[in-house]
C-alpha atoms as a PDB file:
ATOM      1  CA  MET A   1      14.684  -3.637 -14.716  1.00  0.00           C
ATOM      2  CA  LEU A   2      11.113  -2.338 -14.464  1.00  0.00           C
ATOM      3  CA  LEU A   3       9.137  -2.938 -17.631  1.00  0.00           C
ATOM      4  CA  ALA A   4       5.724  -1.579 -16.707  1.00  0.00           C
ATOM      5  CA  ILE A   5       3.311  -0.535 -14.020  1.00  0.00           C
ATOM      6  CA  ASP A   6      -0.248  -1.354 -14.945  1.00  0.00           C
ATOM      7  CA  ASN A   7      -3.585  -2.492 -13.577  1.00  0.00           C
ATOM      8  CA  ALA A   8      -3.645  -5.909 -11.977  1.00  0.00           C
ATOM      9  CA  SER A   9      -5.837  -8.628 -13.429  1.00  0.00           C
ATOM     10  CA  ARG A  10      -7.340 -11.703 -11.817  1.00  0.00           C
ATOM     11  CA  GLN A  11      -4.585 -13.750 -13.478  1.00  0.00           C
ATOM     12  CA  ASP A  12      -2.053 -11.754 -11.449  1.00  0.00           C
ATOM     13  CA  LEU A  13      -3.541 -12.782  -8.096  1.00  0.00           C
ATOM     14  CA  PRO A  14      -1.352 -15.862  -7.466  1.00  0.00           C
ATOM     15  CA  GLN A  15       1.828 -13.765  -7.816  1.00  0.00           C
ATOM     16  CA  ILE A  16       0.361 -10.844  -5.828  1.00  0.00           C
ATOM     17  CA  LEU A  17      -0.704 -13.163  -3.012  1.00  0.00           C
ATOM     18  CA  ALA A  18       2.706 -14.872  -2.986  1.00  0.00           C
ATOM     19  CA  ILE A  19       4.324 -11.462  -2.395  1.00  0.00           C
ATOM     20  CA  TYR A  20       1.770 -10.440   0.212  1.00  0.00           C
ATOM     21  CA  ASN A  21       1.876 -13.732   2.098  1.00  0.00           C
ATOM     22  CA  GLU A  22       5.694 -13.638   2.247  1.00  0.00           C
ATOM     23  CA  VAL A  23       5.431 -10.164   3.807  1.00  0.00           C
ATOM     24  CA  ILE A  24       2.830 -11.398   6.318  1.00  0.00           C
ATOM     25  CA  ARG A  25       4.974 -14.420   7.262  1.00  0.00           C
ATOM     26  CA  ASN A  26       8.308 -12.654   7.578  1.00  0.00           C
ATOM     27  CA  SER A  27       7.886  -8.996   8.464  1.00  0.00           C
ATOM     28  CA  THR A  28       6.043  -6.408  10.481  1.00  0.00           C
ATOM     29  CA  ALA A  29       5.150  -4.409   7.359  1.00  0.00           C
ATOM     30  CA  VAL A  30       1.638  -5.888   7.719  1.00  0.00           C
ATOM     31  CA  TYR A  31       0.120  -6.245  11.168  1.00  0.00           C
ATOM     32  CA  SER A  32      -1.513  -9.561  10.371  1.00  0.00           C
ATOM     33  CA  GLU A  33      -0.605 -13.191  10.899  1.00  0.00           C
ATOM     34  CA  GLU A  34      -3.352 -14.485   8.615  1.00  0.00           C
ATOM     35  CA  GLU A  35      -2.242 -15.216   5.071  1.00  0.00           C
ATOM     36  CA  PHE A  36      -4.509 -14.662   2.091  1.00  0.00           C
ATOM     37  CA  THR A  37      -6.089 -17.747   0.565  1.00  0.00           C
ATOM     38  CA  PRO A  38      -7.022 -17.704  -3.131  1.00  0.00           C
ATOM     39  CA  ALA A  39     -10.689 -17.169  -2.161  1.00  0.00           C
ATOM     40  CA  ARG A  40      -9.853 -14.287   0.166  1.00  0.00           C
ATOM     41  CA  GLY A  41      -7.616 -12.783  -2.523  1.00  0.00           C
ATOM     42  CA  ALA A  42     -10.414 -12.981  -5.084  1.00  0.00           C
ATOM     43  CA  ALA A  43     -12.836 -11.271  -2.688  1.00  0.00           C
ATOM     44  CA  TRP A  44     -10.253  -8.543  -2.009  1.00  0.00           C
ATOM     45  CA  PHE A  45      -9.699  -8.068  -5.763  1.00  0.00           C
ATOM     46  CA  ASP A  46     -13.468  -7.835  -6.369  1.00  0.00           C
ATOM     47  CA  SER A  47     -13.887  -5.337  -3.524  1.00  0.00           C
ATOM     48  CA  LYS A  48     -11.177  -3.083  -4.968  1.00  0.00           C
ATOM     49  CA  ALA A  49     -12.860  -3.189  -8.389  1.00  0.00           C
ATOM     50  CA  ALA A  50     -16.365  -2.609  -6.990  1.00  0.00           C
ATOM     51  CA  ASN A  51     -15.180   0.476  -5.089  1.00  0.00           C
ATOM     52  CA  ALA A  52     -13.081   1.835  -7.994  1.00  0.00           C
ATOM     53  CA  PHE A  53      -9.848   1.580  -6.009  1.00  0.00           C
ATOM     54  CA  PRO A  54      -6.713   0.806  -8.028  1.00  0.00           C
ATOM     55  CA  LEU A  55      -4.759  -2.406  -7.709  1.00  0.00           C
ATOM     56  CA  ILE A  56      -1.557  -2.000  -9.698  1.00  0.00           C
ATOM     57  CA  VAL A  57       1.426  -4.217 -10.382  1.00  0.00           C
ATOM     58  CA  ALA A  58       5.040  -3.596 -11.326  1.00  0.00           C
ATOM     59  CA  ARG A  59       6.103  -6.101 -13.954  1.00  0.00           C
ATOM     60  CA  ASP A  60       9.615  -6.913 -15.002  1.00  0.00           C
ATOM     61  CA  ALA A  61      11.241  -9.802 -16.840  1.00  0.00           C
ATOM     62  CA  SER A  62      10.773 -12.009 -13.767  1.00  0.00           C
ATOM     63  CA  GLY A  63       6.999 -11.448 -13.536  1.00  0.00           C
ATOM     64  CA  ILE A  64       5.196  -9.367 -10.957  1.00  0.00           C
ATOM     65  CA  ALA A  65       7.854  -7.709  -8.831  1.00  0.00           C
ATOM     66  CA  GLY A  66       5.506  -5.672  -6.642  1.00  0.00           C
ATOM     67  CA  PHE A  67       2.001  -4.352  -6.201  1.00  0.00           C
ATOM     68  CA  GLY A  68       0.193  -1.419  -4.713  1.00  0.00           C
ATOM     69  CA  THR A  69      -3.308  -0.287  -3.921  1.00  0.00           C
ATOM     70  CA  PHE A  70      -5.260   2.206  -1.917  1.00  0.00           C
ATOM     71  CA  GLY A  71      -8.630   2.147  -0.248  1.00  0.00           C
ATOM     72  CA  GLU A  72     -10.757   4.046   2.152  1.00  0.00           C
ATOM     73  CA  PHE A  73      -9.015   5.405   5.226  1.00  0.00           C
ATOM     74  CA  ARG A  74     -12.108   5.221   7.419  1.00  0.00           C
ATOM     75  CA  ALA A  75     -15.609   4.053   6.587  1.00  0.00           C
ATOM     76  CA  TRP A  76     -17.540   7.248   7.336  1.00  0.00           C
ATOM     77  CA  PRO A  77     -18.635   9.406   4.381  1.00  0.00           C
ATOM     78  CA  CYS A  78     -16.747  12.539   5.403  1.00  0.00           C
ATOM     79  CA  TYR A  79     -13.455  10.652   4.941  1.00  0.00           C
ATOM     80  CA  ARG A  80     -14.203   9.811   1.283  1.00  0.00           C
ATOM     81  CA  GLN A  81     -11.482  12.177  -0.014  1.00  0.00           C
ATOM     82  CA  THR A  82      -8.809  10.442   2.100  1.00  0.00           C
ATOM     83  CA  VAL A  83      -7.231   7.119   1.161  1.00  0.00           C
ATOM     84  CA  GLU A  84      -4.680   4.820   2.767  1.00  0.00           C
ATOM     85  CA  HIS A  85      -2.257   2.990   0.534  1.00  0.00           C
ATOM     86  CA  SER A  86      -0.325  -0.257   0.664  1.00  0.00           C
ATOM     87  CA  VAL A  87       2.732  -1.197  -1.417  1.00  0.00           C
ATOM     88  CA  HIS A  88       4.739  -4.412  -1.299  1.00  0.00           C
ATOM     89  CA  VAL A  89       7.711  -5.577  -3.339  1.00  0.00           C
ATOM     90  CA  ARG A  90       8.860  -9.151  -3.892  1.00  0.00           C
ATOM     91  CA  LEU A  91      11.768 -10.115  -1.626  1.00  0.00           C
ATOM     92  CA  ASP A  92      14.318 -10.519  -4.432  1.00  0.00           C
ATOM     93  CA  ARG A  93      13.400  -7.162  -6.025  1.00  0.00           C
ATOM     94  CA  ARG A  94      13.547  -4.890  -2.959  1.00  0.00           C
ATOM     95  CA  GLY A  95      15.898  -1.933  -2.854  1.00  0.00           C
ATOM     96  CA  ARG A  96      15.716  -1.249  -6.596  1.00  0.00           C
ATOM     97  CA  GLY A  97      13.197   1.599  -6.720  1.00  0.00           C
ATOM     98  CA  LEU A  98      10.066  -0.441  -7.394  1.00  0.00           C
ATOM     99  CA  GLY A  99       8.355   0.630  -4.167  1.00  0.00           C
ATOM    100  CA  ARG A 100       8.986   4.281  -5.026  1.00  0.00           C
ATOM    101  CA  ALA A 101       7.608   3.796  -8.551  1.00  0.00           C
ATOM    102  CA  LEU A 102       4.465   2.156  -7.168  1.00  0.00           C
ATOM    103  CA  VAL A 103       3.853   4.903  -4.576  1.00  0.00           C
ATOM    104  CA  VAL A 104       4.378   7.600  -7.227  1.00  0.00           C
ATOM    105  CA  GLU A 105       1.826   5.895  -9.482  1.00  0.00           C
ATOM    106  CA  LEU A 106      -0.670   5.599  -6.617  1.00  0.00           C
ATOM    107  CA  LEU A 107      -0.222   9.290  -5.779  1.00  0.00           C
ATOM    108  CA  ALA A 108      -0.946  10.203  -9.405  1.00  0.00           C
ATOM    109  CA  ARG A 109      -4.038   7.996  -9.474  1.00  0.00           C
ATOM    110  CA  ALA A 110      -5.292   9.483  -6.213  1.00  0.00           C
ATOM    111  CA  VAL A 111      -4.923  13.007  -7.605  1.00  0.00           C
ATOM    112  CA  ALA A 112      -6.651  11.976 -10.845  1.00  0.00           C
ATOM    113  CA  GLY A 113      -9.464  10.481  -8.753  1.00  0.00           C
ATOM    114  CA  GLY A 114      -9.986  13.731  -6.864  1.00  0.00           C
ATOM    115  CA  LYS A 115      -8.581  12.525  -3.560  1.00  0.00           C
ATOM    116  CA  HIS A 116      -7.236  15.104  -1.130  1.00  0.00           C
ATOM    117  CA  VAL A 117      -5.016  13.162   1.299  1.00  0.00           C
ATOM    118  CA  MET A 118      -3.097   9.890   1.186  1.00  0.00           C
ATOM    119  CA  ILE A 119      -2.216   8.154   4.460  1.00  0.00           C
ATOM    120  CA  ALA A 120       0.607   5.697   5.051  1.00  0.00           C
ATOM    121  CA  GLY A 121       0.593   3.425   8.100  1.00  0.00           C
ATOM    122  CA  ILE A 122       4.174   2.215   8.642  1.00  0.00           C
ATOM    123  CA  ASP A 123       5.812   0.087  11.329  1.00  0.00           C
ATOM    124  CA  ALA A 124       7.936   2.488  13.388  1.00  0.00           C
ATOM    125  CA  ASP A 125      11.043   0.316  12.901  1.00  0.00           C
ATOM    126  CA  ASN A 126      10.762   0.427   9.085  1.00  0.00           C
ATOM    127  CA  ALA A 127      13.241   3.255   8.477  1.00  0.00           C
ATOM    128  CA  VAL A 128      13.466   2.499   4.744  1.00  0.00           C
ATOM    129  CA  SER A 129       9.723   2.958   4.192  1.00  0.00           C
ATOM    130  CA  ILE A 130       9.585   6.037   6.419  1.00  0.00           C
ATOM    131  CA  GLY A 131      12.477   7.588   4.463  1.00  0.00           C
ATOM    132  CA  LEU A 132      10.876   6.727   1.133  1.00  0.00           C
ATOM    133  CA  HIS A 133       7.590   8.334   2.135  1.00  0.00           C
ATOM    134  CA  ARG A 134       9.320  11.411   3.539  1.00  0.00           C
ATOM    135  CA  SER A 135      11.193  11.826   0.233  1.00  0.00           C
ATOM    136  CA  LEU A 136       7.845  11.790  -1.607  1.00  0.00           C
ATOM    137  CA  GLY A 137       6.328  14.568   0.499  1.00  0.00           C
ATOM    138  CA  PHE A 138       4.689  12.605   3.307  1.00  0.00           C
ATOM    139  CA  THR A 139       4.980  14.066   6.806  1.00  0.00           C
ATOM    140  CA  ASN A 140       4.727  12.335  10.183  1.00  0.00           C
ATOM    141  CA  VAL A 141       1.383  12.998  11.837  1.00  0.00           C
ATOM    142  CA  GLY A 142       1.167  10.323  14.502  1.00  0.00           C
ATOM    143  CA  HIS A 143       3.007   7.693  16.486  1.00  0.00           C
ATOM    144  CA  PHE A 144       0.896   4.993  18.086  1.00  0.00           C
ATOM    145  CA  HIS A 145       2.774   3.058  20.751  1.00  0.00           C
ATOM    146  CA  GLU A 146       2.357  -0.709  21.174  1.00  0.00           C
ATOM    147  CA  VAL A 147      -0.801  -0.947  19.045  1.00  0.00           C
ATOM    148  CA  GLY A 148       0.234  -4.167  17.287  1.00  0.00           C
ATOM    149  CA  PHE A 149       1.573  -7.481  18.562  1.00  0.00           C
ATOM    150  CA  LYS A 150       3.430  -9.857  16.256  1.00  0.00           C
ATOM    151  CA  PHE A 151       6.388 -12.214  16.610  1.00  0.00           C
ATOM    152  CA  GLY A 152       6.132 -11.840  20.392  1.00  0.00           C
ATOM    153  CA  LEU A 153       6.760  -8.091  20.238  1.00  0.00           C
ATOM    154  CA  TRP A 154       4.697  -4.959  20.781  1.00  0.00           C
ATOM    155  CA  LEU A 155       4.788  -2.843  17.626  1.00  0.00           C
ATOM    156  CA  ASP A 156       4.578   0.915  17.176  1.00  0.00           C
ATOM    157  CA  LEU A 157       2.749   2.340  14.165  1.00  0.00           C
ATOM    158  CA  ILE A 158       3.638   5.610  12.439  1.00  0.00           C
ATOM    159  CA  PHE A 159       1.029   7.507  10.445  1.00  0.00           C
ATOM    160  CA  MET A 160       2.274   9.743   7.654  1.00  0.00           C
ATOM    161  CA  GLU A 161       0.175  11.888   5.333  1.00  0.00           C
ATOM    162  CA  CYS A 162       0.569  13.565   1.986  1.00  0.00           C
ATOM    163  CA  ILE A 163      -1.757  16.426   1.126  1.00  0.00           C
ATOM    164  CA  LEU A 164      -2.506  15.940  -2.566  1.00  0.00           C
ATOM    165  CA  SER A 165      -4.372  19.137  -3.323  1.00  0.00           C
ATOM    166  CA  PRO A 166      -4.474  22.547  -1.605  1.00  0.00           C
ATOM    167  CA  THR A 167      -8.251  22.589  -1.168  1.00  0.00           C
ATOM    168  CA  PRO A 168     -10.850  19.848  -0.796  1.00  0.00           C
ATOM    169  CA  THR A 169     -12.688  18.848  -3.941  1.00  0.00           C
ATOM    170  CA  PRO A 170     -15.712  16.921  -2.648  1.00  0.00           C
ATOM    171  CA  SER A 171     -17.567  14.807  -5.139  1.00  0.00           C
END
């Protein structure tokens, strides 16, 4: 049972990194083989805060069951109204709606922050995530073939987008 979605704190980092590192070790949801150390996690946390990007957690009776964040899509200034998000749920809590709740909260925060588009980069074999995003209004906009290599396999990446507002609202 989900108790709350709220802002992550530094004290949450060990649980967040445990979730993230399990995903890195065991799945293609993240195209990385390099786990986060506590120091790297702290730098990541500080970077999110310094750039006013959310880092949220889903808490339940078992602790942190999942987390989500978004950040810049590309580094050039004209992309500042577009963000790319990331959501991960603890292994024993998957399939219970927590990922959906986290994405919905990130969408709301992006709208509140004046963002125009949210991008999702999803492994092409991750039908569950693709279906979730489609159900929330994301549409497929790209399929990159064999752009990642992990576990001895070439990986395809799907880009999906959700237009958050009908017209740009540059800040």
